């Protein structure tokens, strides 16, 4: 396999991993929010909590994914196997 194919495969696997992590974190946070909120809770509070859950899951996924990619890159030194995504500045 060449470097460009390795880069494409890494990006596809990374995208799938990112979606799985986001879904897992979203469901975990939603389950936690569901334990806190009662059926009698105000609708505005429920919407605010849902918005917070969505934002925290997106931001949390970014940090988790970046840590995983850094760990994988350090463990297997992927830079030598991958084509750079962006060219050098002239």
Protein backbone atom coordinates (compact mmCIF):
# COMPACT_ATOMS: atom_id res chain seq x y z
CA UNK A 1 0.00 0.00 0.00
CA UNK A 2 1.21 3.49 -0.72
CA UNK A 3 1.13 6.54 1.56
CA UNK A 4 -1.96 8.08 -0.02
CA UNK A 5 -4.00 4.92 0.46
CA UNK A 6 -2.78 4.66 4.05
CA UNK A 7 -3.87 8.25 4.64
CA UNK A 8 -7.33 7.62 3.17
CA UNK A 9 -7.79 4.46 5.24
CA UNK A 10 -6.66 6.26 8.39
CA UNK A 11 -9.10 9.11 7.73
CA UNK A 12 -11.98 6.67 7.15
CA UNK A 13 -11.17 4.69 10.29
CA UNK A 14 -10.77 7.93 12.23
CA UNK A 15 -14.15 9.15 11.05
CA UNK A 16 -15.85 5.93 12.11
CA UNK A 17 -14.05 6.06 15.48
CA UNK A 18 -15.07 9.69 15.95
CA UNK A 19 -18.74 8.91 15.27
CA UNK A 20 -18.71 5.90 17.61
CA UNK A 21 -17.07 7.92 20.42
CA UNK A 22 -19.52 10.79 19.93
CA UNK A 23 -22.52 8.48 19.97
CA UNK A 24 -21.30 6.65 23.07
CA UNK A 25 -20.54 9.89 24.93
CA UNK A 26 -23.88 11.40 23.87
CA UNK A 27 -25.84 8.38 25.06
CA UNK A 28 -23.91 8.23 28.33
CA UNK A 29 -24.53 11.92 29.04
CA UNK A 30 -28.16 11.64 27.98
CA UNK A 31 -28.63 8.68 30.32
CA UNK A 32 -27.06 10.70 33.16
CA UNK A 33 -29.29 13.67 32.41
CA UNK A 34 -32.31 11.39 32.33
CA UNK A 35 -31.46 10.20 35.85
CA UNK A 36 -31.32 13.79 37.10
CA UNK A 37 -34.44 15.14 35.39
CA UNK A 38 -37.89 14.09 36.46
CA UNK A 39 -41.03 13.92 34.31
CA UNK A 40 -42.29 16.97 36.18
CA UNK A 41 -39.24 19.06 35.20
CA UNK A 42 -39.84 22.21 33.21
CA UNK A 43 -39.67 21.85 29.42
CA UNK A 44 -37.23 24.75 29.19
CA UNK A 45 -34.89 23.06 31.66
CA UNK A 46 -35.09 19.82 29.68
CA UNK A 47 -34.22 21.64 26.47
CA UNK A 48 -31.32 23.44 28.14
CA UNK A 49 -29.95 20.18 29.56
CA UNK A 50 -30.28 18.53 26.14
CA UNK A 51 -28.35 21.43 24.55
CA UNK A 52 -25.62 21.11 27.19
CA UNK A 53 -25.44 17.35 26.58
CA UNK A 54 -25.00 17.89 22.83
CA UNK A 55 -22.30 20.55 23.26
CA UNK A 56 -20.40 18.58 25.91
CA UNK A 57 -20.51 15.44 23.77
CA UNK A 58 -19.10 17.28 20.73
CA UNK A 59 -16.34 19.01 22.73
CA UNK A 60 -15.58 15.88 24.73
CA UNK A 61 -15.36 13.82 21.56
CA UNK A 62 -12.87 16.29 20.12
CA UNK A 63 -10.58 15.92 23.14
CA UNK A 64 -10.94 12.13 23.35
CA UNK A 65 -10.32 11.70 19.61
CA UNK A 66 -7.27 13.98 19.64
CA UNK A 67 -5.78 12.04 22.57
CA UNK A 68 -6.39 8.70 20.81
CA UNK A 69 -4.79 9.95 17.57
CA UNK A 70 -1.75 11.33 19.42
CA UNK A 71 -1.34 8.04 21.29
CA UNK A 72 -1.60 6.00 18.08
CA UNK A 73 0.80 8.33 16.27
CA UNK A 74 3.36 8.11 19.06
CA UNK A 75 3.03 4.34 19.43
CA UNK A 76 3.41 3.40 15.76
CA UNK A 77 5.02 6.59 14.31
CA UNK A 78 2.43 6.94 11.55
CA UNK A 79 4.04 10.00 9.96
CA UNK A 80 6.42 7.81 8.01
CA UNK A 81 3.52 5.80 6.54
CA UNK A 82 1.15 8.64 5.70
CA UNK A 83 1.03 11.34 3.03
CA UNK A 84 0.78 14.88 4.46
CA UNK A 85 -2.70 16.33 4.14
CA UNK A 86 -1.55 19.91 3.70
CA UNK A 87 1.42 21.13 1.67
CA UNK A 88 4.22 23.17 3.13
CA UNK A 89 4.01 26.93 3.09
CA UNK A 90 6.18 28.62 0.50
